[in-house]
């Protein structure tokens, strides 16, 4: 090793390696010098110094980590930091860089472990707890994240970023008042904190305080004028206020600031669809496929159908997306593909097969993706309206396209012996429905229950069922065996067939009733899901459905007063609803 170096050069190079933390290279040079000159004191001292345990790496090695991190060379940071943690396991700052690099590479669990090590080595390092909180939040460990942020704030009470981050975790926990309190504290420490105003706007919107949300968003824009996400969220708040044209302006501004902004284009689609402009809305709705929130499979390029290629004898795979109500609503398009000559396979949850097998078409139902050799085209279910050029006049609309099992209809019919007008009811879907404002409390049915000869029958299953014990009016319930089998909605469909009327919130129950052709009254929030559109009391989707809409956001009393009046009127006229 010394063949090309003088002793002085070798010793200088060994010291240089040592300063950089390159211990092995330094050791080799010192050992080479001692092999040739066993009594060389500088080599002896240098080697002894290397072998002596050190608490911290050389500053030059830390500086190199800083430079690599700032240059975005995160893989190199991970590699060097891991080497340094082996040599200097008690140096918290190296673990901090390791965590930051892992986090930047999307390795949240490894990042969290590294930051946990930071907090163990230095329990007084506020940044370590803040960083740990961020990775815990990203893993969905929200309560633990909040505790980490609180620890950071106990060490650094004016830590504005920690307050903001804690607000985000609290918001995700649904603790909106506490989240807003944290945001306000952050802003009191840093009045020009644009991101915090933005986050507060999100929390205020979730509370339904749209005017205050817009104030927060506009303050964020005044501090950060070219922030596309803020314009997008302004659009969302304006849409919920019913100001659709202003919402479109905000979405378009977001798109102008951020090319290929899938979320904003998707939001534009919702507005156009609400307005009834399905041709434009459904085209833009395809942007959902490019959103990171899109949970279904994206169709592969070589299997995309453009809506015009011949489907004769082509093997066409359609696969489910979104919720059960969406499956029920959009399965109406499957027979249209059959009419074009396609051999249609629909990949959908096994529990939906029994119901969907009643579609009047020989669509093959499967619960897993078939072999690629059996596919010519593939598409997610909710792209079919666009691909089949749907507009208001061409929505496949029929009185019924799904059917209840005749034996179950007869069996359940034996349970309803009273000579009453039977009204099947549902008031809540999933928690998401509650958050989105689609659900309402069961007690609102009290007035309808008091109408003469009306029997209310619960079609409700799952979340919200506990409300039954708190009501003071009669409600027929269907027992523990109701729809507990492997097949979804089979009992529900049979009970619906025995009812004279269905009154429901916007859940899968509404779509099932519509698909079965049952007379249905649907209670809708002020700005509903896009397929219910606006300012009409009928639905082009379901001929037997009547829509009852909120006049004011959140005011269900008006909706139920109107339904009660209409039902009383029908009863007085002794008209059959069927």
Protein backbone atom coordinates (compact mmCIF):
# COMPACT_ATOMS: atom_id res chain seq x y z
CA UNK A 1 0.00 0.00 0.00
CA UNK A 2 2.97 2.30 0.57
CA UNK A 3 4.46 1.55 -2.84
CA UNK A 4 3.09 4.79 -4.33
CA UNK A 5 3.07 6.87 -1.14
CA UNK A 6 5.76 8.25 1.08
CA UNK A 7 5.38 7.68 4.82
CA UNK A 8 4.34 11.32 5.34
CA UNK A 9 1.77 11.08 2.54
CA UNK A 10 0.39 7.85 3.98
CA UNK A 11 0.08 9.37 7.46
CA UNK A 12 -1.59 12.52 6.11
CA UNK A 13 -4.05 10.43 4.13
CA UNK A 14 -4.76 8.24 7.19
CA UNK A 15 -5.55 11.34 9.28
CA UNK A 16 -7.82 12.65 6.51
CA UNK A 17 -9.79 9.39 6.45
CA UNK A 18 -10.06 9.47 10.24
CA UNK A 19 -11.49 13.00 10.22
CA UNK A 20 -14.15 11.90 7.73
CA UNK A 21 -15.08 8.93 9.89
CA UNK A 22 -13.64 6.49 7.33
CA UNK A 23 -12.13 4.30 10.00
CA UNK A 24 -11.32 1.20 7.97
CA UNK A 25 -9.40 3.15 5.31
CA UNK A 26 -7.48 5.00 8.03
CA UNK A 27 -6.64 1.76 9.86
CA UNK A 28 -5.28 0.13 6.70
CA UNK A 29 -2.90 3.03 6.07
CA UNK A 30 -1.63 3.17 9.67
CA UNK A 31 -1.12 -0.61 9.66
CA UNK A 32 0.76 -0.42 6.36
CA UNK A 33 3.11 2.22 7.80
CA UNK A 34 3.71 0.12 10.94
CA UNK A 35 4.35 -2.98 8.85
CA UNK A 36 7.21 -1.14 7.13
CA UNK A 37 8.24 0.98 10.14
CA UNK A 38 7.11 -0.78 13.36
CA UNK A 39 8.41 2.00 15.63
CA UNK A 40 6.75 4.93 13.82
CA UNK A 41 5.19 6.86 16.71
CA UNK A 42 2.72 8.87 14.62
CA UNK A 43 1.32 5.67 13.12
CA UNK A 44 1.16 4.04 16.57
CA UNK A 45 -0.66 7.04 18.07
CA UNK A 46 -3.00 7.35 15.10
CA UNK A 47 -3.96 3.69 15.26
CA UNK A 48 -4.41 3.86 19.04
CA UNK A 49 -6.67 6.87 18.64
CA UNK A 50 -8.81 4.97 16.12
CA UNK A 51 -9.16 2.00 18.47
CA UNK A 52 -10.11 4.21 21.38
CA UNK A 53 -13.91 4.28 21.86
CA UNK A 54 -15.42 7.61 20.73
CA UNK A 55 -18.74 9.11 21.69
CA UNK A 56 -19.30 11.13 18.52
CA UNK A 57 -18.27 10.89 14.87
CA UNK A 58 -15.87 13.46 13.41
CA UNK A 59 -17.56 16.75 12.53
CA UNK A 60 -16.48 16.28 8.94
CA UNK A 61 -18.54 13.07 8.74
CA UNK A 62 -21.61 14.87 10.13
CA UNK A 63 -21.09 17.73 7.68
CA UNK A 64 -21.00 15.23 4.86
CA UNK A 65 -24.35 13.83 5.99
CA UNK A 66 -25.78 17.36 6.05
CA UNK A 67 -24.55 18.06 2.52
CA UNK A 68 -25.89 14.78 1.14
CA UNK A 69 -29.27 15.36 2.78
CA UNK A 70 -29.50 18.92 1.44
CA UNK A 71 -28.64 17.62 -2.04
CA UNK A 72 -31.49 15.13 -1.82
CA UNK A 73 -29.18 12.10 -1.95
CA UNK A 74 -31.29 10.24 0.61
CA UNK A 75 -30.12 6.71 -0.20
CA UNK A 76 -26.52 7.82 0.32
CA UNK A 77 -27.52 9.42 3.63
CA UNK A 78 -29.10 6.14 4.77
CA UNK A 79 -26.02 4.17 3.78
CA UNK A 80 -23.55 6.47 5.53
CA UNK A 81 -25.76 7.08 8.57
CA UNK A 82 -26.20 3.35 9.12
CA UNK A 83 -22.41 2.89 9.04
CA UNK A 84 -21.98 5.72 11.51
CA UNK A 85 -24.64 4.37 13.88
CA UNK A 86 -22.70 1.11 14.05
CA UNK A 87 -19.52 2.98 14.97
CA UNK A 88 -21.16 5.64 17.14
CA UNK A 89 -24.44 4.10 18.36
CA UNK A 90 -25.06 6.81 20.94
CA UNK A 91 -24.92 9.83 18.64
CA UNK A 92 -28.54 10.97 18.39
CA UNK A 93 -27.98 13.43 15.53
CA UNK A 94 -26.87 10.64 13.20
CA UNK A 95 -30.02 8.66 14.07
CA UNK A 96 -32.01 11.82 13.34
CA UNK A 97 -30.52 12.05 9.83
CA UNK A 98 -31.20 8.35 9.33
CA UNK A 99 -34.85 8.88 10.28
CA UNK A 100 -35.22 11.93 8.06
CA UNK A 101 -33.71 10.11 5.07
CA UNK A 102 -35.92 7.04 5.59
CA UNK A 103 -38.94 9.31 5.86
CA UNK A 104 -38.04 11.12 2.66
CA UNK A 105 -37.80 7.75 0.90
CA UNK A 106 -41.27 6.81 2.15
CA UNK A 107 -39.99 4.23 4.63
CA UNK A 108 -42.17 5.45 7.46
CA UNK A 109 -41.72 2.53 9.84
CA UNK A 110 -37.91 2.62 9.61
CA UNK A 111 -38.03 6.40 10.05
CA UNK A 112 -40.19 6.01 13.14
CA UNK A 113 -37.75 3.51 14.68
CA UNK A 114 -34.84 5.87 14.04
CA UNK A 115 -36.65 8.84 15.59
CA UNK A 116 -37.63 6.70 18.58
CA UNK A 117 -33.92 6.00 19.07
CA UNK A 118 -33.25 9.76 18.90
CA UNK A 119 -35.71 10.42 21.73
CA UNK A 120 -34.19 7.63 23.84
CA UNK A 121 -30.65 8.97 23.39
CA UNK A 122 -31.65 12.58 23.95
CA UNK A 123 -34.93 12.89 25.89
CA UNK A 124 -34.59 16.69 25.83
CA UNK A 125 -34.48 17.02 22.02
CA UNK A 126 -37.81 18.56 21.01
CA UNK A 127 -37.21 18.10 17.28
CA UNK A 128 -36.83 14.37 17.83
CA UNK A 129 -40.30 14.10 19.38
CA UNK A 130 -41.80 16.30 16.65
CA UNK A 131 -40.24 14.10 13.98
CA UNK A 132 -41.42 10.96 15.77
CA UNK A 133 -44.94 12.40 15.91
CA UNK A 134 -44.95 12.99 12.16
CA UNK A 135 -44.02 9.39 11.36
CA UNK A 136 -46.52 8.00 13.88
CA UNK A 137 -49.24 10.11 12.26
CA UNK A 138 -48.29 8.81 8.82
CA UNK A 139 -48.72 5.26 10.17
CA UNK A 140 -52.18 6.12 11.47
CA UNK A 141 -51.02 5.95 15.10
CA UNK A 142 -52.72 9.22 15.87
CA UNK A 143 -53.01 9.02 19.66
CA UNK A 144 -49.31 8.16 19.92
CA UNK A 145 -48.50 11.02 17.55
CA UNK A 146 -50.39 13.50 19.73
CA UNK A 147 -48.42 12.31 22.79
CA UNK A 148 -45.14 12.78 20.92
CA UNK A 149 -46.12 16.32 19.93
CA UNK A 150 -47.12 17.11 23.51
CA UNK A 151 -43.70 15.94 24.67
CA UNK A 152 -42.03 18.18 22.06
CA UNK A 153 -44.10 21.12 23.31
CA UNK A 154 -43.26 20.42 26.95
CA UNK A 155 -39.59 20.77 25.98
CA UNK A 156 -40.13 23.73 23.66
CA UNK A 157 -43.33 25.61 24.53
CA UNK A 158 -43.03 28.03 21.59
CA UNK A 159 -42.63 25.21 19.01
CA UNK A 160 -45.12 26.48 16.45
CA UNK A 161 -44.60 23.63 13.97
CA UNK A 162 -45.36 21.08 16.71
CA UNK A 163 -48.66 22.83 17.49
CA UNK A 164 -49.55 22.75 13.80
CA UNK A 165 -48.62 19.09 13.50
CA UNK A 166 -50.55 18.21 16.64
CA UNK A 167 -53.54 20.00 15.17
CA UNK A 168 -53.34 17.79 12.08
CA UNK A 169 -53.28 14.62 14.18
CA UNK A 170 -56.19 15.83 16.31
CA UNK A 171 -58.12 16.72 13.15
CA UNK A 172 -57.63 13.22 11.82
CA UNK A 173 -58.90 11.86 15.13
CA UNK A 174 -62.07 13.90 14.64
CA UNK A 175 -61.22 16.13 17.63
CA UNK A 176 -61.86 19.27 15.64
CA UNK A 177 -62.23 21.73 18.54
CA UNK A 178 -58.89 20.62 19.98
CA UNK A 179 -57.30 20.75 16.54
CA UNK A 180 -58.44 24.34 16.00
CA UNK A 181 -57.18 25.27 19.47
CA UNK A 182 -53.75 23.90 18.49
CA UNK A 183 -53.79 25.79 15.19
CA UNK A 184 -54.70 29.03 16.96
CA UNK A 185 -51.80 28.54 19.38
CA UNK A 186 -49.45 27.94 16.46
CA UNK A 187 -50.65 31.09 14.68
CA UNK A 188 -50.33 33.16 17.88
CA UNK A 189 -46.64 32.21 17.88
CA UNK A 190 -46.19 32.66 14.13
CA UNK A 191 -48.85 34.99 12.66
CA UNK A 192 -47.66 34.52 9.08
CA UNK A 193 -47.84 30.71 9.11
CA UNK A 194 -49.68 30.06 5.83
CA UNK A 195 -49.77 26.27 6.14
CA UNK A 196 -51.39 26.51 9.54
CA UNK A 197 -54.17 28.78 8.23
CA UNK A 198 -54.70 26.23 5.46
CA UNK A 199 -54.96 23.35 7.94
CA UNK A 200 -57.34 25.35 10.11
CA UNK A 201 -59.51 25.93 7.06
CA UNK A 202 -59.77 22.16 6.55
CA UNK A 203 -60.83 21.63 10.19
CA UNK A 204 -63.38 24.44 10.05
CA UNK A 205 -64.87 23.01 6.85
CA UNK A 206 -65.13 19.61 8.54
CA UNK A 207 -67.11 21.35 11.28
CA UNK A 208 -69.44 22.78 8.65
CA UNK A 209 -68.27 26.34 9.36
CA UNK A 210 -67.83 27.20 5.72
CA UNK A 211 -67.59 31.00 6.05
CA UNK A 212 -64.86 30.69 8.69
CA UNK A 213 -63.10 28.05 6.60
CA UNK A 214 -63.04 30.43 3.64
CA UNK A 215 -61.63 33.18 5.87
CA UNK A 216 -58.80 30.86 6.92
CA UNK A 217 -58.12 29.79 3.32
CA UNK A 218 -58.07 33.39 2.10
CA UNK A 219 -55.64 34.33 4.88
CA UNK A 220 -53.42 31.43 3.77
CA UNK A 221 -53.57 32.73 0.19
CA UNK A 222 -52.61 36.24 1.28
CA UNK A 223 -49.43 34.74 2.74
CA UNK A 224 -48.84 32.12 0.03
CA UNK A 225 -50.61 33.35 -3.13
CA UNK A 226 -49.67 30.54 -5.50
CA UNK A 227 -50.72 27.57 -3.38
CA UNK A 228 -52.90 25.34 -5.61
CA UNK A 229 -54.16 23.16 -2.75
CA UNK A 230 -55.65 26.21 -1.05
CA UNK A 231 -57.57 27.18 -4.20
CA UNK A 232 -58.79 23.59 -4.48
CA UNK A 233 -60.09 23.63 -0.90
CA UNK A 234 -61.68 27.03 -1.42
CA UNK A 235 -63.53 25.39 -4.29
CA UNK A 236 -64.72 22.61 -1.99
CA UNK A 237 -66.08 25.07 0.56
CA UNK A 238 -67.81 27.15 -2.14
CA UNK A 239 -69.32 24.00 -3.65
CA UNK A 240 -70.76 23.02 -0.26
CA UNK A 241 -72.27 26.51 -0.06
CA UNK A 242 -73.94 25.92 -3.41
CA UNK A 243 -71.80 28.53 -5.17
CA UNK A 244 -70.91 26.19 -8.02
CA UNK A 245 -69.67 28.76 -10.55
CA UNK A 246 -67.34 30.32 -7.98
CA UNK A 247 -66.18 26.84 -7.00
CA UNK A 248 -65.30 26.10 -10.64
CA UNK A 249 -63.27 29.32 -10.81
CA UNK A 250 -61.29 28.24 -7.76
CA UNK A 251 -60.69 24.72 -9.13
CA UNK A 252 -59.59 26.14 -12.49
CA UNK A 253 -57.17 28.47 -10.72
CA UNK A 254 -55.74 25.46 -8.85
CA UNK A 255 -55.29 23.62 -12.16
CA UNK A 256 -53.52 26.63 -13.69
CA UNK A 257 -51.02 26.65 -10.81
CA UNK A 258 -50.36 22.90 -10.80
CA UNK A 259 -50.28 20.97 -14.03
CA UNK A 260 -52.14 17.65 -14.05
CA UNK A 261 -53.70 18.43 -10.67
CA UNK A 262 -55.90 15.32 -10.57
CA UNK A 263 -57.77 16.29 -7.40
CA UNK A 264 -58.85 19.67 -8.75
CA UNK A 265 -59.93 18.24 -12.12
CA UNK A 266 -61.88 15.57 -10.26
CA UNK A 267 -63.59 18.26 -8.19
CA UNK A 268 -64.51 20.11 -11.40
CA UNK A 269 -66.19 16.90 -12.55
CA UNK A 270 -68.38 16.84 -9.44
CA UNK A 271 -69.62 20.36 -10.15
CA UNK A 272 -70.42 19.66 -13.81
CA UNK A 273 -72.22 16.43 -12.87
CA UNK A 274 -74.23 18.24 -10.18
CA UNK A 275 -75.27 20.75 -12.85
CA UNK A 276 -76.40 17.88 -15.08
CA UNK A 277 -73.63 18.38 -17.65
CA UNK A 278 -72.71 14.70 -17.61
CA UNK A 279 -70.86 14.77 -20.89
CA UNK A 280 -68.22 17.14 -19.54
CA UNK A 281 -68.46 15.94 -15.94
CA UNK A 282 -67.96 12.25 -16.68
CA UNK A 283 -64.95 12.98 -18.87
CA UNK A 284 -63.31 14.92 -16.04
CA UNK A 285 -64.38 12.21 -13.57
CA UNK A 286 -61.73 9.97 -15.14
CA UNK A 287 -59.11 12.09 -13.35
CA UNK A 288 -59.98 10.08 -10.23
CA UNK A 289 -57.82 7.30 -11.67
CA UNK A 290 -54.76 9.52 -11.24
CA UNK A 291 -55.47 10.52 -7.65
CA UNK A 292 -53.34 8.92 -4.95
CA UNK A 293 -56.57 8.29 -3.00
CA UNK A 294 -57.89 6.05 -5.80
CA UNK A 295 -58.02 2.62 -4.20
CA UNK A 296 -58.98 0.46 -7.14
CA UNK A 297 -56.80 -0.93 -9.91
CA UNK A 298 -55.78 1.43 -12.72
CA UNK A 299 -56.48 -0.18 -16.13
CA UNK A 300 -53.33 -1.25 -17.94
CA UNK A 301 -52.52 0.67 -21.12
CA UNK A 302 -52.66 -2.35 -23.40
CA UNK A 303 -56.12 -3.27 -22.05
CA UNK A 304 -57.82 0.13 -22.17
CA UNK A 305 -61.06 0.37 -24.13
CA UNK A 306 -61.58 3.77 -25.76
CA UNK A 307 -65.34 3.44 -26.10
CA UNK A 308 -65.25 2.95 -29.88
CA UNK A 309 -63.37 -0.31 -30.58
CA UNK A 310 -65.56 -3.27 -31.49
CA UNK A 311 -66.48 -5.51 -28.56
CA UNK A 312 -67.77 -8.45 -30.56
CA UNK A 313 -66.54 -11.66 -28.92
CA UNK A 314 -64.09 -9.60 -26.80
CA UNK A 315 -63.43 -10.63 -23.22
CA UNK A 316 -64.26 -7.54 -21.17
CA UNK A 317 -63.30 -7.36 -17.47
CA UNK A 318 -65.08 -4.82 -15.28
CA UNK A 319 -64.06 -4.51 -11.64
CA UNK A 320 -65.73 -2.91 -8.64
CA UNK A 321 -64.71 0.39 -7.11
CA UNK A 322 -65.86 2.57 -4.22
CA UNK A 323 -68.84 1.52 -2.08
CA UNK A 324 -71.65 -1.03 -2.21
CA UNK A 325 -74.13 1.64 -3.28
CA UNK A 326 -71.89 2.49 -6.24
CA UNK A 327 -71.76 -1.18 -7.24
CA UNK A 328 -75.58 -1.40 -7.16
CA UNK A 329 -76.02 1.88 -9.03
CA UNK A 330 -73.50 1.34 -11.83
CA UNK A 331 -73.95 -2.38 -12.46
CA UNK A 332 -76.81 -1.25 -14.74
CA UNK A 333 -74.14 -0.62 -17.39
CA UNK A 334 -72.96 -4.23 -17.60
CA UNK A 335 -75.80 -5.39 -19.91
CA UNK A 336 -74.92 -2.55 -22.32
CA UNK A 337 -71.52 -4.13 -22.87
CA UNK A 338 -73.25 -7.45 -23.53
CA UNK A 339 -75.44 -5.72 -26.10
CA UNK A 340 -72.26 -4.63 -27.88
CA UNK A 341 -71.18 -8.25 -28.20
CA UNK A 342 -68.71 -8.42 -25.28
CA UNK A 343 -68.22 -11.43 -23.02
CA UNK A 344 -68.46 -9.59 -19.71
CA UNK A 345 -66.80 -10.62 -16.44
CA UNK A 346 -67.45 -8.53 -13.34
CA UNK A 347 -64.94 -8.84 -10.51
CA UNK A 348 -66.86 -7.98 -7.33
CA UNK A 349 -67.06 -9.02 -3.67
CA UNK A 350 -68.40 -12.54 -3.23
CA UNK A 351 -71.10 -11.28 -0.85
CA UNK A 352 -72.65 -9.27 -3.70
CA UNK A 353 -72.91 -12.19 -6.14
CA UNK A 354 -76.33 -13.48 -5.10
CA UNK A 355 -77.94 -10.06 -5.59
CA UNK A 356 -76.09 -9.19 -8.80
CA UNK A 357 -76.87 -12.58 -10.35
CA UNK A 358 -80.44 -11.30 -10.75
CA UNK A 359 -79.31 -8.86 -13.47
CA UNK A 360 -81.11 -9.83 -16.65
CA UNK A 361 -77.89 -10.65 -18.52
CA UNK A 362 -75.39 -13.50 -18.49
CA UNK A 363 -72.57 -11.50 -16.91
CA UNK A 364 -69.99 -13.74 -15.23
CA UNK A 365 -69.29 -12.79 -11.62
CA UNK A 366 -65.91 -13.52 -10.03
CA UNK A 367 -64.25 -12.41 -6.79
CA UNK A 368 -60.63 -12.35 -8.01
CA UNK A 369 -58.89 -11.06 -11.09
CA UNK A 370 -58.81 -13.62 -13.94
CA UNK A 371 -55.74 -14.67 -15.90
CA UNK A 372 -54.52 -11.99 -18.30
CA UNK A 373 -55.07 -14.35 -21.22
CA UNK A 374 -58.79 -14.14 -20.50
CA UNK A 375 -58.89 -10.34 -20.87
CA UNK A 376 -59.07 -8.17 -23.98
CA UNK A 377 -60.22 -5.03 -22.17
CA UNK A 378 -60.46 -3.99 -18.52
CA UNK A 379 -62.05 -1.02 -16.79
CA UNK A 380 -63.18 0.07 -13.31
CA UNK A 381 -66.97 0.04 -12.99
CA UNK A 382 -67.50 3.78 -12.67
CA UNK A 383 -65.71 4.54 -15.94
CA UNK A 384 -68.50 2.84 -17.91
CA UNK A 385 -70.86 5.88 -17.95
CA UNK A 386 -68.12 7.95 -19.65
CA UNK A 387 -67.04 5.21 -22.06
CA UNK A 388 -70.66 4.62 -23.06
CA UNK A 389 -71.24 8.34 -23.74
CA UNK A 390 -73.83 8.85 -21.01
CA UNK A 391 -75.83 12.07 -20.85
CA UNK A 392 -79.10 12.93 -19.09
CA UNK A 393 -81.12 11.42 -21.94
CA UNK A 394 -79.12 8.20 -22.25
CA UNK A 395 -78.80 7.08 -18.59
CA UNK A 396 -79.89 3.42 -18.58
CA UNK A 397 -83.13 3.98 -16.66
CA UNK A 398 -85.58 1.17 -15.98
CA UNK A 399 -88.14 0.57 -13.26
CA UNK A 400 -86.05 -2.30 -11.92
CA UNK A 401 -82.88 -4.12 -12.92
CA UNK A 402 -82.23 -6.15 -9.74
CA UNK A 403 -84.74 -8.51 -8.14
CA UNK A 404 -85.53 -9.96 -4.72
CA UNK A 405 -85.55 -13.72 -4.17
CA UNK A 406 -89.19 -14.89 -4.47
CA UNK A 407 -88.93 -17.47 -1.69
CA UNK A 408 -87.45 -14.94 0.72
CA UNK A 409 -90.13 -12.39 -0.23
CA UNK A 410 -92.80 -14.93 0.70
CA UNK A 411 -90.97 -15.97 3.87
CA UNK A 412 -90.55 -12.41 5.13
CA UNK A 413 -94.09 -11.58 4.10
CA UNK A 414 -95.35 -13.93 6.82
CA UNK A 415 -93.75 -11.62 9.41
CA UNK A 416 -95.86 -8.63 8.39
CA UNK A 417 -99.41 -9.56 9.33
CA UNK A 418 -100.77 -6.15 10.27
CA UNK A 419 -103.04 -4.38 7.82
CA UNK A 420 -100.83 -1.28 7.73
CA UNK A 421 -99.02 0.92 5.27
CA UNK A 422 -95.54 -0.53 5.62
CA UNK A 423 -92.66 1.96 5.41
CA UNK A 424 -89.12 0.57 5.41
CA UNK A 425 -86.65 3.07 6.83
CA UNK A 426 -82.89 3.64 7.05
CA UNK A 427 -81.24 6.64 8.67
CA UNK A 428 -77.50 6.09 8.52
CA UNK A 429 -74.83 4.37 6.49
CA UNK A 430 -71.18 4.20 7.50
CA UNK A 431 -69.39 6.71 9.71
CA UNK A 432 -68.24 8.34 6.48
CA UNK A 433 -71.87 9.11 5.73
CA UNK A 434 -72.21 10.83 9.10
CA UNK A 435 -69.07 12.89 8.48
CA UNK A 436 -70.26 13.85 5.00
CA UNK A 437 -73.65 14.96 6.34
CA UNK A 438 -75.69 12.30 4.50
CA UNK A 439 -77.13 10.65 7.62
CA UNK A 440 -79.72 11.92 10.07
CA UNK A 441 -80.95 10.84 13.55
CA UNK A 442 -83.64 8.19 13.84
CA UNK A 443 -85.84 10.33 16.11
CA UNK A 444 -86.80 12.48 13.11
CA UNK A 445 -89.18 9.70 12.02
CA UNK A 446 -91.39 10.28 15.08
CA UNK A 447 -93.86 12.52 13.25
CA UNK A 448 -94.25 10.04 10.39
CA UNK A 449 -94.73 7.20 12.89
CA UNK A 450 -97.75 9.01 14.34
CA UNK A 451 -99.63 9.07 11.03
CA UNK A 452 -102.64 6.72 11.08
CA UNK A 453 -102.08 3.14 9.97
CA UNK A 454 -98.36 3.66 9.26
CA UNK A 455 -95.93 0.94 10.35
CA UNK A 456 -92.23 1.78 10.33
CA UNK A 457 -89.91 -1.16 9.61
CA UNK A 458 -86.17 -0.87 10.25
CA UNK A 459 -83.98 -1.84 7.30
CA UNK A 460 -80.97 -0.60 9.23
CA UNK A 461 -77.90 -2.70 10.02
CA UNK A 462 -74.66 -1.71 11.76
CA UNK A 463 -73.51 1.74 12.80
CA UNK A 464 -76.36 3.88 14.12
CA UNK A 465 -78.50 0.86 15.13
CA UNK A 466 -77.95 1.75 18.80
CA UNK A 467 -80.31 4.74 18.32
CA UNK A 468 -83.28 2.35 18.35
CA UNK A 469 -83.15 2.00 22.14
CA UNK A 470 -83.52 5.79 22.58
CA UNK A 471 -86.72 6.40 20.57
CA UNK A 472 -90.23 6.70 22.02
CA UNK A 473 -92.27 5.50 19.03
CA UNK A 474 -92.98 2.11 17.55
CA UNK A 475 -90.50 0.59 15.12
CA UNK A 476 -90.66 -2.94 13.78
CA UNK A 477 -87.24 -4.57 13.89
CA UNK A 478 -86.32 -7.76 12.08
CA UNK A 479 -84.27 -9.71 14.59
CA UNK A 480 -80.67 -10.82 14.85
CA UNK A 481 -80.84 -13.09 11.80
CA UNK A 482 -81.75 -10.27 9.42
CA UNK A 483 -79.11 -10.17 6.63
CA UNK A 484 -76.47 -11.94 8.70
CA UNK A 485 -75.65 -14.53 6.03
CA UNK A 486 -72.81 -14.53 3.54
CA UNK A 487 -74.91 -12.80 0.87
CA UNK A 488 -75.38 -9.04 1.28
CA UNK A 489 -78.82 -7.39 1.04
CA UNK A 490 -80.74 -10.62 0.26
CA UNK A 491 -83.07 -10.24 3.25
CA UNK A 492 -83.20 -6.47 2.84
CA UNK A 493 -84.35 -6.81 -0.77
CA UNK A 494 -87.06 -9.32 0.25
CA UNK A 495 -88.33 -7.06 3.05
CA UNK A 496 -88.35 -4.07 0.70
CA UNK A 497 -90.56 -6.06 -1.68
CA UNK A 498 -93.07 -6.38 1.18
CA UNK A 499 -93.05 -2.63 1.89
CA UNK A 500 -95.34 0.00 0.40
CA UNK A 501 -92.70 2.73 0.65
CA UNK A 502 -89.02 3.12 1.49
CA UNK A 503 -87.76 6.27 3.22
CA UNK A 504 -83.99 6.42 3.50
CA UNK A 505 -80.86 8.47 3.80
CA UNK A 506 -78.29 8.47 0.99
CA UNK A 507 -76.81 5.02 1.52
CA UNK A 508 -76.58 1.73 -0.35
CA UNK A 509 -80.15 1.10 0.85
CA UNK A 510 -81.34 3.95 -1.36
CA UNK A 511 -79.67 2.47 -4.44
CA UNK A 512 -80.99 -1.00 -3.64
CA UNK A 513 -84.54 0.30 -3.31
CA UNK A 514 -84.17 2.19 -6.58
CA UNK A 515 -82.68 -0.80 -8.42
CA UNK A 516 -85.55 -3.02 -7.19
CA UNK A 517 -88.10 -0.48 -8.40
CA UNK A 518 -89.56 0.12 -4.92
CA UNK A 519 -91.40 3.42 -4.34
CA UNK A 520 -88.71 5.36 -2.50
CA UNK A 521 -88.39 8.73 -0.80
CA UNK A 522 -84.77 9.80 -0.47
CA UNK A 523 -83.71 12.48 2.04
CA UNK A 524 -80.75 14.47 0.69
CA UNK A 525 -78.40 17.05 2.13
CA UNK A 526 -78.25 20.51 0.54
CA UNK A 527 -75.42 19.67 -1.86
CA UNK A 528 -75.66 15.91 -2.35
CA UNK A 529 -73.52 13.37 -4.17
CA UNK A 530 -73.14 14.29 -7.82
CA UNK A 531 -75.50 11.67 -9.25
CA UNK A 532 -78.52 13.19 -7.46
CA UNK A 533 -77.82 16.54 -9.15
CA UNK A 534 -79.65 19.70 -8.00
CA UNK A 535 -83.06 21.39 -8.05
CA UNK A 536 -85.17 18.38 -9.01
CA UNK A 537 -87.40 16.06 -7.01
CA UNK A 538 -87.09 13.14 -9.40
CA UNK A 539 -84.08 11.05 -10.38
CA UNK A 540 -83.13 10.03 -13.91
CA UNK A 541 -81.50 6.99 -12.29
CA UNK A 542 -84.58 5.56 -10.60
CA UNK A 543 -88.09 6.27 -11.99
CA UNK A 544 -89.83 5.26 -8.73
CA UNK A 545 -87.78 7.58 -6.51
CA UNK A 546 -88.74 10.99 -5.11
CA UNK A 547 -86.01 13.28 -3.79
CA UNK A 548 -86.51 15.44 -0.68
CA UNK A 549 -83.77 18.03 -0.35
CA UNK A 550 -82.55 20.23 2.47
CA UNK A 551 -83.32 23.89 1.89
CA UNK A 552 -80.67 24.91 4.39
CA UNK A 553 -77.45 23.06 5.05
CA UNK A 554 -77.88 20.68 7.97
CA UNK A 555 -81.61 21.32 8.40
CA UNK A 556 -83.32 17.92 8.28
CA UNK A 557 -86.47 19.15 10.05
CA UNK A 558 -87.76 20.80 6.87
CA UNK A 559 -87.17 17.56 4.92
CA UNK A 560 -89.10 15.43 7.41
CA UNK A 561 -91.91 17.97 7.81
CA UNK A 562 -92.35 17.90 4.02
CA UNK A 563 -92.34 14.10 3.85
CA UNK A 564 -94.82 13.89 6.73
CA UNK A 565 -97.14 16.38 4.98
CA UNK A 566 -96.93 14.50 1.67
CA UNK A 567 -97.57 11.13 3.28
CA UNK A 568 -100.53 12.50 5.24
CA UNK A 569 -101.93 13.91 2.02
CA UNK A 570 -101.60 10.57 0.25
CA UNK A 571 -103.24 8.76 3.15
CA UNK A 572 -106.14 11.19 3.16
CA UNK A 573 -106.66 10.68 -0.54
CA UNK A 574 -106.56 6.93 0.13
CA UNK A 575 -104.18 6.49 -2.78
CA UNK A 576 -102.02 3.44 -3.02
CA UNK A 577 -98.33 4.32 -3.16
CA UNK A 578 -97.54 1.17 -5.09
